[in-house]
Amino acid sequence: MKRLLEVVDGKLLYGSDVPITDITNSSKDIKKGSVFFAIKGKTYDGHIFLEDVISFGASAVVIQDLEYASKLRGMGVSVIYSPDTRKSLAVASNRFFDNPSSHLKVVGATGTNGKTSVSNILQQFFRFAGYKTGLIGTINYRIDDEIISEGHTTPDPIEWFRTLKLMKDRGVTVVVAEVSSHGLDQSRVYSTRFDGAIFTNLTQDHLDYHKDMEDYFRAKEKLFYQTLEFNPKPKGSVSFDDIYGRRIYKNFKDRFLMTSFGVSSPDFKIEEIHLSLDETVFSYTTNTGREVISAPLLGEFNVYNLSAALSYLILDGFDERFLVEKSKELKPVRGRFEVVKRKGVTVVVDYAHTPDGLEKILNSLNKIKKNRIITVFGAGGNRDRSKRPLMGKVAESFSDLVVITSDNPRDEDPRDIMEDILSGVSDKSKVILEVDREKAIKLSIELAKEGDIVLIAGKGHETYQIVKGNKYQFDDRKVAEKYLKEE
């Protein structure tokens, strides 16, 4: 405990130095010798479980609410006060797992859209260059191609630092990670030594958690502040076409080795773009000249995702000719503009679940369509309601036919969610409502004609639906393939 107290901004109120064998913030995971961090969350307050964790054998507890201090006197447990138990949990976890990021090159990607694709692209390039890599992201956690865990965008500090240590112990040298606004706001990755940071964009999402877009931006920006706090010479790449990206560029260009990407970028300037259902080709210029990239990553938004990765890697010292050649070998990310093609009808499965994400993929599809676009989508329950009508408006504007259905309704009535989406639609004659997602996909394929594109949006790589607390198996791609074969 003495070693943990050296890094935790806290004070020992009662008790003495005791051996710590485990670290946790869950009352369900208490073992003899555990130290328990009481976290005050929006839904639960860990302080109410203090007496339970002591009875389960905890050796020490870390509290933020001093009202509980007197109740713990004489209970045979060491009591530590910290003004911020979230941040203390992060630095304590880092120390408990032997500061793994100090032995790794860790690159963090943040932004509303594109984190998963940028992280996967970066991991592939580092592997092409011969590095043993780790990836921590939404789809899964991997060491090279080996999946070691299911994915979470940003895990809690204990899982985060435990995973980094596992990767270090397995010989990994480079880790690429998605870093969410929730994770940054809750100090989940605090005290990590990031080699650098990438910012993709900021558009409306998570306003059920963040009070407004400025609050959302401040959470994202923390990745750059925290990177500077633990690395005096970090690298950074941001989208110069995004107003928030330009703010980060301006705020950190004198403290980071900084670059940017975009059609308006002074560093990595995107130029001609050619889209198809087979490949994406675009050119870019830097201060060393012009290059042409050809990659099997589809959609205009993947030009930005690839540019985010390339601009960072050039900054990191990669040879540009190597990057140009290896771009041809990149593998698409599951559930991101994933094409399921049968005869004359093309089905595209994508994770787009924000107004901006939906608009970007629909905009790309409109540039390559031969006939109509039929869009099937819903919106998640118990999440930002304000984006639902915006998504309805986007779908109407960029589609010929819209089928509104369920996503992950969670504890909400899916029909209420669908009505929220529908409220953003002006021409309701373009819309079909079908609450059953499988029936909605079947219907869209039955209605499709030669040359049509059916976009199934919102779930992408997910293989489940969450309804009233239950998780049911559901895979958009497999459902689409089933009905494509029938057709």
Protein backbone atom coordinates (compact mmCIF):
# COMPACT_ATOMS: atom_id res chain seq x y z
CA MET A 1 0.00 0.00 0.00
CA LYS A 2 2.91 2.34 0.67
CA ARG A 3 3.98 2.08 -2.99
CA LEU A 4 0.45 2.93 -4.15
CA LEU A 5 0.27 5.88 -1.74
CA GLU A 6 3.40 7.30 -3.40
CA VAL A 7 1.44 7.90 -6.62
CA VAL A 8 -2.10 8.43 -5.31
CA ASP A 9 -2.94 12.01 -4.44
CA GLY A 10 -4.33 10.99 -1.06
CA LYS A 11 -3.93 10.76 2.68
CA LEU A 12 -3.97 7.76 5.01
CA LEU A 13 -6.78 8.40 7.51
CA TYR A 14 -6.79 5.13 9.48
CA GLY A 15 -4.76 1.95 9.54
CA SER A 16 -1.22 1.15 8.50
CA ASP A 17 0.79 -0.15 5.58
CA VAL A 18 -0.65 -3.47 4.43
CA PRO A 19 0.18 -5.81 1.53
CA ILE A 20 -2.03 -5.30 -1.53
CA THR A 21 -2.70 -8.35 -3.69
CA ASP A 22 -5.37 -6.93 -5.98
CA ILE A 23 -6.92 -3.64 -7.05
CA THR A 24 -10.61 -3.15 -7.87
CA ASN A 25 -13.53 -0.73 -8.06
CA SER A 26 -16.16 -3.50 -8.03
CA SER A 27 -17.58 -4.91 -4.81
CA LYS A 28 -18.13 -8.20 -6.69
CA ASP A 29 -14.39 -8.69 -7.27
CA ILE A 30 -13.12 -8.35 -3.70
CA LYS A 31 -10.45 -10.85 -2.62
CA LYS A 32 -8.48 -11.04 0.59
CA GLY A 33 -5.87 -8.32 0.33
CA SER A 34 -7.74 -6.16 -2.21
CA VAL A 35 -7.72 -2.38 -2.21
CA PHE A 36 -11.15 -1.02 -3.18
CA PHE A 37 -11.61 2.38 -4.86
CA ALA A 38 -15.03 3.93 -4.19
CA ILE A 39 -16.05 5.70 -7.40
CA LYS A 40 -18.88 8.24 -7.45
CA GLY A 41 -20.65 7.62 -10.76
CA LYS A 42 -23.75 9.07 -12.38
CA THR A 43 -25.78 5.93 -11.63
CA TYR A 44 -23.99 4.23 -8.72
CA ASP A 45 -21.88 5.44 -5.83
CA GLY A 46 -19.23 2.96 -4.76
CA HIS A 47 -19.21 4.38 -1.23
CA ILE A 48 -22.47 2.60 -0.39
CA PHE A 49 -20.65 -0.75 -0.74
CA LEU A 50 -17.80 0.06 1.67
CA GLU A 51 -19.06 -2.06 4.57
CA ASP A 52 -19.66 -4.97 2.18
CA VAL A 53 -16.16 -4.88 0.68
CA ILE A 54 -14.61 -4.75 4.15
CA SER A 55 -16.63 -7.79 5.21
CA PHE A 56 -15.46 -9.57 2.02
CA GLY A 57 -11.80 -9.15 3.05
CA ALA A 58 -10.53 -5.89 1.55
CA SER A 59 -7.29 -4.70 3.15
CA ALA A 60 -7.73 -1.06 2.21
CA VAL A 61 -10.33 1.30 0.79
CA VAL A 62 -9.89 4.60 -1.02
CA ILE A 63 -12.72 7.09 -0.52
CA GLN A 64 -13.65 10.46 -2.00
CA ASP A 65 -16.57 11.29 0.28
CA LEU A 66 -15.33 12.15 3.78
CA GLU A 67 -18.82 11.62 5.23
CA TYR A 68 -18.02 7.90 5.25
CA ALA A 69 -14.66 8.26 7.02
CA SER A 70 -15.90 8.20 10.63
CA LYS A 71 -18.05 5.11 9.94
CA LEU A 72 -14.95 3.16 8.91
CA ARG A 73 -12.88 3.87 12.02
CA GLY A 74 -12.05 0.70 13.93
CA MET A 75 -13.27 -1.67 11.20
CA GLY A 76 -9.81 -3.19 10.75
CA VAL A 77 -9.16 -1.73 7.34
CA SER A 78 -6.77 0.96 6.10
CA VAL A 79 -8.71 4.00 4.88
CA ILE A 80 -7.26 6.45 2.33
CA TYR A 81 -8.84 9.73 1.30
CA SER A 82 -8.45 10.98 -2.27
CA PRO A 83 -10.14 14.08 -3.73
CA ASP A 84 -10.51 12.23 -7.07
CA THR A 85 -10.81 8.46 -6.77
CA ARG A 86 -11.17 8.03 -10.56
CA LYS A 87 -7.79 9.61 -11.23
CA SER A 88 -6.30 7.83 -8.22
CA LEU A 89 -7.56 4.48 -9.53
CA ALA A 90 -5.83 5.14 -12.84
CA VAL A 91 -2.42 6.04 -11.40
CA ALA A 92 -2.66 3.21 -8.85
CA SER A 93 -3.52 0.71 -11.59
CA ASN A 94 -0.60 1.95 -13.65
CA ARG A 95 1.75 1.42 -10.68
CA PHE A 96 0.16 -1.93 -9.77
CA PHE A 97 0.83 -3.25 -13.30
CA ASP A 98 4.39 -1.85 -13.39
CA ASN A 99 3.89 1.15 -15.67
CA PRO A 100 3.51 -0.89 -18.87
CA SER A 101 3.14 2.07 -21.25
CA SER A 102 6.67 3.22 -20.40
CA HIS A 103 7.90 0.08 -22.22
CA LEU A 104 5.59 0.46 -25.24
CA LYS A 105 4.86 2.84 -28.09
CA VAL A 106 1.17 3.65 -27.48
CA VAL A 107 -0.77 5.65 -30.08
CA GLY A 108 -4.27 6.89 -29.17
CA ALA A 109 -7.00 7.78 -31.67
CA THR A 110 -10.01 9.84 -30.64
CA GLY A 111 -12.94 11.52 -32.41
CA THR A 112 -16.63 10.88 -33.00
CA ASN A 113 -16.21 8.77 -36.15
CA GLY A 114 -13.26 6.85 -37.55
CA LYS A 115 -11.48 5.70 -34.38
CA THR A 116 -11.91 2.01 -35.17
CA SER A 117 -10.83 2.32 -38.80
CA VAL A 118 -7.84 4.55 -38.06
CA SER A 119 -6.66 2.22 -35.28
CA ASN A 120 -6.96 -0.86 -37.49
CA ILE A 121 -5.17 0.86 -40.38
CA LEU A 122 -2.32 1.94 -38.09
CA GLN A 123 -1.96 -1.55 -36.65
CA GLN A 124 -1.72 -3.03 -40.15
CA PHE A 125 1.00 -0.59 -41.21
CA PHE A 126 3.04 -1.22 -38.06
CA ARG A 127 2.75 -4.96 -38.74
CA PHE A 128 3.85 -4.46 -42.34
CA ALA A 129 6.94 -2.77 -40.90
CA GLY A 130 7.73 -5.80 -38.74
CA TYR A 131 6.48 -4.66 -35.33
CA LYS A 132 4.61 -6.98 -32.97
CA THR A 133 1.42 -5.04 -32.34
CA GLY A 134 -1.45 -4.73 -29.93
CA LEU A 135 -4.85 -3.17 -30.59
CA ILE A 136 -7.39 -2.03 -28.00
CA GLY A 137 -10.68 -1.09 -29.61
CA THR A 138 -14.40 -1.39 -30.10
CA ILE A 139 -14.40 -4.63 -32.07
CA ASN A 140 -11.85 -6.56 -29.98
CA TYR A 141 -8.44 -6.52 -28.29
CA ARG A 142 -5.74 -8.18 -30.38
CA ILE A 143 -2.11 -9.13 -30.38
CA ASP A 144 -1.35 -9.14 -34.11
CA ASP A 145 -4.18 -11.38 -35.43
CA GLU A 146 -4.87 -13.15 -32.14
CA ILE A 147 -8.05 -11.95 -30.41
CA ILE A 148 -7.41 -11.85 -26.67
CA SER A 149 -10.67 -10.24 -25.52
CA GLU A 150 -13.98 -8.81 -26.61
CA GLY A 151 -13.80 -5.13 -27.41
CA HIS A 152 -14.73 -1.99 -25.49
CA THR A 153 -13.91 1.43 -26.87
CA THR A 154 -12.00 2.36 -23.73
CA PRO A 155 -11.95 -0.05 -20.76
CA ASP A 156 -11.74 0.97 -17.12
CA PRO A 157 -8.22 1.73 -15.77
CA ILE A 158 -7.70 -1.71 -14.27
CA GLU A 159 -8.49 -3.55 -17.50
CA TRP A 160 -6.63 -0.92 -19.54
CA PHE A 161 -3.33 -1.22 -17.66
CA ARG A 162 -3.71 -4.99 -17.19
CA THR A 163 -4.12 -5.33 -20.96
CA LEU A 164 -1.11 -3.12 -21.66
CA LYS A 165 0.97 -5.25 -19.25
CA LEU A 166 -0.21 -8.47 -20.91
CA MET A 167 0.77 -7.07 -24.30
CA LYS A 168 4.18 -5.97 -23.03
CA ASP A 169 4.79 -9.38 -21.44
CA ARG A 170 3.84 -11.06 -24.75
CA GLY A 171 6.50 -9.11 -26.63
CA VAL A 172 4.34 -6.38 -28.13
CA THR A 173 6.21 -3.16 -28.93
CA VAL A 174 3.46 -0.97 -30.48
CA VAL A 175 -0.10 -0.59 -29.18
CA VAL A 176 -2.80 1.33 -31.05
CA ALA A 177 -5.92 2.23 -29.06
CA GLU A 178 -9.27 3.90 -29.51
CA VAL A 179 -9.85 6.49 -26.78
CA SER A 180 -13.42 7.61 -26.13
CA SER A 181 -14.70 10.87 -24.66
CA HIS A 182 -16.22 8.90 -21.76
CA GLY A 183 -12.88 7.25 -21.11
CA LEU A 184 -11.06 10.58 -21.11
CA ASP A 185 -13.67 12.33 -18.98
CA GLN A 186 -13.51 9.50 -16.44
CA SER A 187 -9.68 9.39 -16.37
CA ARG A 188 -9.61 5.77 -17.54
CA VAL A 189 -6.32 6.17 -19.42
CA TYR A 190 -4.83 8.87 -17.18
CA SER A 191 -1.07 8.45 -16.51
CA THR A 192 -0.56 6.42 -19.71
CA ARG A 193 2.53 7.45 -21.63
CA PHE A 194 1.18 7.98 -25.16
CA ASP A 195 3.72 8.26 -27.95
CA GLY A 196 1.18 10.36 -29.81
CA ALA A 197 -2.46 11.22 -30.44
CA ILE A 198 -4.76 11.41 -33.48
CA PHE A 199 -8.00 13.41 -33.72
CA THR A 200 -10.42 12.40 -36.49
CA ASN A 201 -13.46 14.73 -36.16
CA LEU A 202 -16.17 15.87 -33.78
CA THR A 203 -19.88 15.68 -34.64
CA GLN A 204 -23.03 15.28 -32.58
CA ASP A 205 -23.11 12.19 -30.38
CA HIS A 206 -23.21 11.34 -26.66
CA LEU A 207 -25.10 14.50 -25.69
CA ASP A 208 -26.97 12.32 -23.21
CA TYR A 209 -23.64 12.28 -21.31
CA HIS A 210 -21.95 15.55 -22.28
CA LYS A 211 -23.97 18.69 -21.60
CA ASP A 212 -23.18 20.26 -24.98
CA MET A 213 -20.74 20.10 -27.92
CA GLU A 214 -18.17 22.27 -26.15
CA ASP A 215 -18.17 19.91 -23.16
CA TYR A 216 -17.84 16.98 -25.59
CA PHE A 217 -14.87 18.68 -27.28
CA ARG A 218 -13.14 19.41 -23.97
CA ALA A 219 -13.34 15.72 -23.11
CA LYS A 220 -11.74 14.76 -26.45
CA GLU A 221 -9.06 17.41 -26.08
CA LYS A 222 -7.96 15.81 -22.80
CA LEU A 223 -6.14 13.14 -24.82
CA PHE A 224 -3.70 15.82 -25.98
CA TYR A 225 -3.32 17.41 -22.54
CA GLN A 226 -2.77 14.02 -20.88
CA THR A 227 -0.32 12.98 -23.59
CA LEU A 228 1.74 16.12 -22.90
CA GLU A 229 1.61 15.54 -19.15
CA PHE A 230 3.46 12.23 -19.40
CA ASN A 231 5.47 12.67 -22.63
CA PRO A 232 7.43 15.90 -23.22
CA LYS A 233 7.85 15.27 -26.98
CA PRO A 234 4.67 13.66 -28.35
CA LYS A 235 3.43 13.45 -31.94
CA GLY A 236 -0.01 14.46 -33.12
CA SER A 237 -2.17 14.45 -36.23
CA VAL A 238 -5.56 16.16 -36.57
CA SER A 239 -8.19 16.76 -39.23
CA PHE A 240 -7.72 20.29 -40.55
CA ASP A 241 -11.13 20.14 -42.26
CA ASP A 242 -12.82 19.89 -38.87
CA ILE A 243 -13.30 23.10 -36.88
CA TYR A 244 -12.43 21.31 -33.64
CA GLY A 245 -9.39 19.73 -35.26
CA ARG A 246 -8.13 23.18 -36.19
CA ARG A 247 -8.59 24.28 -32.58
CA ILE A 248 -6.45 21.39 -31.35
CA TYR A 249 -3.86 22.14 -34.05
CA LYS A 250 -3.64 25.76 -32.92
CA ASN A 251 -3.57 24.89 -29.20
CA PHE A 252 -0.87 22.22 -29.41
CA LYS A 253 1.25 22.90 -32.53
CA ASP A 254 4.01 24.52 -30.46
CA ARG A 255 4.08 21.72 -27.88
CA PHE A 256 3.62 18.64 -30.11
CA LEU A 257 5.44 17.47 -33.18
CA MET A 258 2.20 18.20 -35.03
CA THR A 259 0.78 17.51 -38.47
CA SER A 260 -2.67 17.66 -40.03
CA PHE A 261 -4.62 16.10 -42.89
CA GLY A 262 -7.53 17.16 -45.09
CA VAL A 263 -8.39 19.01 -48.29
CA SER A 264 -7.53 22.27 -46.51
CA SER A 265 -4.48 20.94 -44.67
CA PRO A 266 -1.13 22.75 -44.99
CA ASP A 267 0.68 19.46 -44.20
CA PHE A 268 -1.03 16.41 -45.78
CA LYS A 269 -3.34 17.85 -48.43
CA ILE A 270 -5.96 15.47 -49.88
CA GLU A 271 -6.59 16.13 -53.56
CA GLU A 272 -8.29 14.06 -56.29
CA ILE A 273 -10.59 11.30 -55.03
CA HIS A 274 -12.01 8.43 -57.12
CA LEU A 275 -14.54 6.07 -55.52
CA SER A 276 -15.90 2.67 -56.56
CA LEU A 277 -17.25 -0.49 -54.96
CA ASP A 278 -13.85 -2.15 -55.48
CA GLU A 279 -11.26 0.39 -54.34
CA THR A 280 -10.60 3.99 -53.39
CA VAL A 281 -7.94 6.06 -55.14
CA PHE A 282 -6.81 9.51 -54.08
CA SER A 283 -3.78 11.75 -54.31
CA TYR A 284 -2.14 13.87 -51.65
CA THR A 285 0.67 16.39 -51.44
CA THR A 286 3.14 17.12 -48.66
CA ASN A 287 6.23 19.31 -48.59
CA THR A 288 8.13 16.43 -50.24
CA GLY A 289 5.82 16.11 -53.26
CA ARG A 290 2.73 14.30 -54.55
CA GLU A 291 1.71 10.65 -54.13
CA VAL A 292 -1.24 8.54 -55.28
CA ILE A 293 -2.84 6.06 -52.89
CA SER A 294 -4.89 3.03 -53.98
CA ALA A 295 -6.54 0.99 -51.23
CA PRO A 296 -9.36 -1.57 -50.84
CA LEU A 297 -11.00 0.65 -48.19
CA LEU A 298 -14.24 1.99 -49.57
CA GLY A 299 -15.98 5.34 -49.18
CA GLU A 300 -14.83 8.95 -49.02
CA PHE A 301 -14.66 8.85 -45.22
CA ASN A 302 -11.98 6.16 -45.54
CA VAL A 303 -9.87 8.67 -47.48
CA TYR A 304 -9.84 10.66 -44.23
CA ASN A 305 -9.25 7.59 -42.06
CA LEU A 306 -6.34 6.50 -44.24
CA SER A 307 -4.98 10.06 -44.36
CA ALA A 308 -5.09 10.26 -40.56
CA ALA A 309 -2.96 7.13 -40.34
CA LEU A 310 -0.58 8.06 -43.18
CA SER A 311 0.05 11.60 -41.94
CA TYR A 312 0.88 10.25 -38.47
CA LEU A 313 3.17 7.53 -39.82
CA ILE A 314 5.06 9.99 -42.04
CA LEU A 315 5.59 12.10 -38.91
CA ASP A 316 6.80 8.93 -37.16
CA GLY A 317 9.49 8.43 -39.78
CA PHE A 318 7.92 5.87 -42.14
CA ASP A 319 9.11 5.88 -45.75
CA GLU A 320 6.36 7.25 -48.03
CA ARG A 321 7.00 4.78 -50.85
CA PHE A 322 6.60 1.93 -48.35
CA LEU A 323 3.26 3.39 -47.22
CA VAL A 324 2.04 3.84 -50.80
CA GLU A 325 2.85 0.23 -51.72
CA LYS A 326 1.47 -1.29 -48.53
CA SER A 327 -1.81 0.68 -48.80
CA LYS A 328 -2.78 -1.76 -51.57
CA GLU A 329 -2.57 -4.63 -49.05
CA LEU A 330 -4.76 -3.14 -46.34
CA LYS A 331 -7.70 -5.25 -45.19
CA PRO A 332 -11.10 -3.60 -44.66
CA VAL A 333 -12.40 -3.31 -41.11
CA ARG A 334 -15.35 -5.53 -40.27
CA GLY A 335 -18.66 -3.67 -40.31
CA ARG A 336 -17.20 -0.53 -41.88
CA PHE A 337 -18.47 -0.13 -45.47
CA GLU A 338 -18.54 -3.93 -45.67
CA VAL A 339 -19.90 -4.99 -49.06
CA VAL A 340 -22.18 -8.02 -49.39
CA LYS A 341 -22.80 -8.34 -53.13
CA ARG A 342 -25.16 -10.72 -54.93
CA LYS A 343 -25.95 -10.42 -58.64
CA GLY A 344 -27.51 -7.03 -59.39
CA VAL A 345 -28.12 -5.88 -55.80
CA THR A 346 -25.35 -4.63 -53.54
CA VAL A 347 -25.77 -4.65 -49.76
CA VAL A 348 -23.46 -2.54 -47.61
CA VAL A 349 -23.21 -3.05 -43.83
CA ASP A 350 -21.85 -0.12 -41.85
CA TYR A 351 -21.55 1.01 -38.22
CA ALA A 352 -22.77 4.57 -38.97
CA HIS A 353 -24.83 5.53 -35.92
CA THR A 354 -24.50 9.32 -35.85
CA PRO A 355 -25.96 11.94 -38.22
CA ASP A 356 -22.48 12.73 -39.56
CA GLY A 357 -21.48 9.08 -39.94
CA LEU A 358 -24.71 8.27 -41.78
CA GLU A 359 -24.34 11.29 -44.07
CA LYS A 360 -20.76 10.40 -44.93
CA ILE A 361 -21.47 6.85 -46.03
CA LEU A 362 -24.63 7.87 -47.90
CA ASN A 363 -22.72 10.64 -49.64
CA SER A 364 -20.10 8.11 -50.77
CA LEU A 365 -22.77 5.66 -51.97
CA ASN A 366 -24.50 8.40 -53.96
CA LYS A 367 -21.26 9.00 -55.86
CA ILE A 368 -21.04 5.38 -57.03
CA LYS A 369 -24.69 4.24 -57.25
CA LYS A 370 -26.18 2.98 -60.51
CA ASN A 371 -29.80 3.14 -59.41
CA ARG A 372 -31.48 3.71 -56.02
CA ILE A 373 -30.25 3.72 -52.43
CA ILE A 374 -32.41 1.98 -49.83
CA THR A 375 -31.36 2.73 -46.24
CA VAL A 376 -32.25 0.52 -43.27
CA PHE A 377 -31.40 1.90 -39.85
CA GLY A 378 -32.55 2.65 -36.30
CA ALA A 379 -31.07 4.32 -33.23
CA GLY A 380 -29.85 3.03 -29.89
CA GLY A 381 -32.08 3.21 -26.84
CA ASN A 382 -31.06 5.03 -23.62
CA ARG A 383 -28.70 7.20 -25.64
CA ASP A 384 -28.67 10.71 -27.10
CA ARG A 385 -32.27 11.29 -28.25
CA SER A 386 -31.52 14.61 -29.94
CA LYS A 387 -29.59 12.95 -32.76
CA ARG A 388 -32.53 10.71 -33.82
CA PRO A 389 -34.51 13.26 -35.89
CA LEU A 390 -31.23 14.47 -37.40
CA MET A 391 -30.50 10.94 -38.59
CA GLY A 392 -34.02 10.74 -40.03
CA LYS A 393 -33.42 13.95 -41.98
CA VAL A 394 -30.06 12.69 -43.30
CA ALA A 395 -31.54 9.34 -44.39
CA GLU A 396 -34.39 11.08 -46.19
CA SER A 397 -32.06 13.55 -47.93
CA PHE A 398 -29.56 11.01 -49.25
CA SER A 399 -31.76 7.91 -49.85
CA ASP A 400 -34.48 7.00 -52.33
CA LEU A 401 -36.26 4.79 -49.80
CA VAL A 402 -35.85 4.57 -46.02
CA VAL A 403 -36.78 1.65 -43.77
CA ILE A 404 -36.74 2.72 -40.12
CA THR A 405 -36.36 -0.16 -37.67
CA SER A 406 -34.84 -1.19 -34.32
CA ASP A 407 -31.17 -0.93 -33.40
CA ASN A 408 -30.35 -1.77 -29.78
CA PRO A 409 -33.50 -0.43 -28.07
CA ARG A 410 -32.22 -1.40 -24.63
CA ASP A 411 -34.87 -0.32 -22.09
CA GLU A 412 -36.85 1.92 -24.45
CA ASP A 413 -39.83 0.95 -26.57
CA PRO A 414 -38.36 0.65 -30.11
CA ARG A 415 -41.52 2.22 -31.56
CA ASP A 416 -40.87 5.38 -29.55
CA ILE A 417 -37.32 5.52 -30.92
CA MET A 418 -38.63 5.07 -34.46
CA GLU A 419 -41.10 7.92 -33.97
CA ASP A 420 -38.25 10.16 -32.78
CA ILE A 421 -36.38 9.37 -36.02
CA LEU A 422 -39.50 9.87 -38.12
CA SER A 423 -40.03 13.34 -36.64
CA GLY A 424 -37.02 14.55 -38.63
CA VAL A 425 -38.44 13.32 -41.95
CA SER A 426 -40.39 15.76 -44.15
CA ASP A 427 -41.49 13.40 -46.95
CA LYS A 428 -42.90 10.44 -45.04
CA SER A 429 -43.94 8.75 -48.32
CA LYS A 430 -40.28 7.72 -48.65
CA VAL A 431 -40.38 5.87 -45.33
CA ILE A 432 -41.43 2.38 -44.25
CA LEU A 433 -41.63 1.52 -40.53
CA GLU A 434 -40.78 -2.06 -39.51
CA VAL A 435 -39.92 -2.62 -35.85
CA ASP A 436 -38.44 -6.10 -36.42
CA ARG A 437 -34.88 -5.57 -37.73
CA GLU A 438 -34.71 -8.92 -39.54
CA LYS A 439 -38.00 -8.26 -41.30
CA ALA A 440 -36.78 -4.76 -42.20
CA ILE A 441 -33.64 -6.18 -43.83
CA LYS A 442 -35.67 -8.83 -45.65
CA LEU A 443 -38.11 -6.21 -46.91
CA SER A 444 -35.37 -3.90 -48.17
CA ILE A 445 -33.78 -6.74 -50.16
CA GLU A 446 -37.14 -7.79 -51.60
CA LEU A 447 -37.78 -4.20 -52.71
CA ALA A 448 -34.32 -3.79 -54.27
CA LYS A 449 -34.01 -3.82 -58.05
CA GLU A 450 -31.10 -4.27 -60.45
CA GLY A 451 -28.37 -1.73 -59.62
CA ASP A 452 -29.81 -0.75 -56.23
CA ILE A 453 -27.64 -0.39 -53.13
CA VAL A 454 -29.09 -1.41 -49.77
CA LEU A 455 -27.36 0.23 -46.81
CA ILE A 456 -27.86 -1.48 -43.45
CA ALA A 457 -26.55 1.04 -40.94
CA GLY A 458 -26.02 1.35 -37.21
CA LYS A 459 -24.63 -1.95 -35.96
CA GLY A 460 -21.75 -2.83 -38.27
CA HIS A 461 -19.53 -5.42 -36.56
CA GLU A 462 -21.98 -6.08 -33.71
CA THR A 463 -23.38 -9.61 -33.51
CA TYR A 464 -26.17 -8.93 -31.04
CA GLN A 465 -29.23 -6.86 -30.20
CA ILE A 466 -29.92 -5.56 -26.68
CA VAL A 467 -33.61 -5.56 -25.74
CA LYS A 468 -34.92 -5.04 -22.19
CA GLY A 469 -31.64 -6.07 -20.61
CA ASN A 470 -31.28 -9.21 -22.73
CA LYS A 471 -28.63 -9.76 -25.41
CA TYR A 472 -29.80 -11.67 -28.49
CA GLN A 473 -27.65 -12.97 -31.31
CA PHE A 474 -28.06 -10.79 -34.41
CA ASP A 475 -25.61 -10.15 -37.24
CA ASP A 476 -26.67 -7.72 -40.00
CA ARG A 477 -24.33 -9.34 -42.52
CA LYS A 478 -25.55 -12.89 -41.90
CA VAL A 479 -29.19 -11.80 -42.06
CA ALA A 480 -28.54 -9.98 -45.34
CA GLU A 481 -26.74 -12.98 -46.84
CA LYS A 482 -29.65 -15.22 -45.85
CA TYR A 483 -32.22 -13.16 -47.76
CA LEU A 484 -29.89 -12.38 -50.68
CA LYS A 485 -29.57 -16.13 -51.27
CA GLU A 486 -33.35 -16.53 -51.13
CA GLU A 487 -33.74 -13.75 -53.67
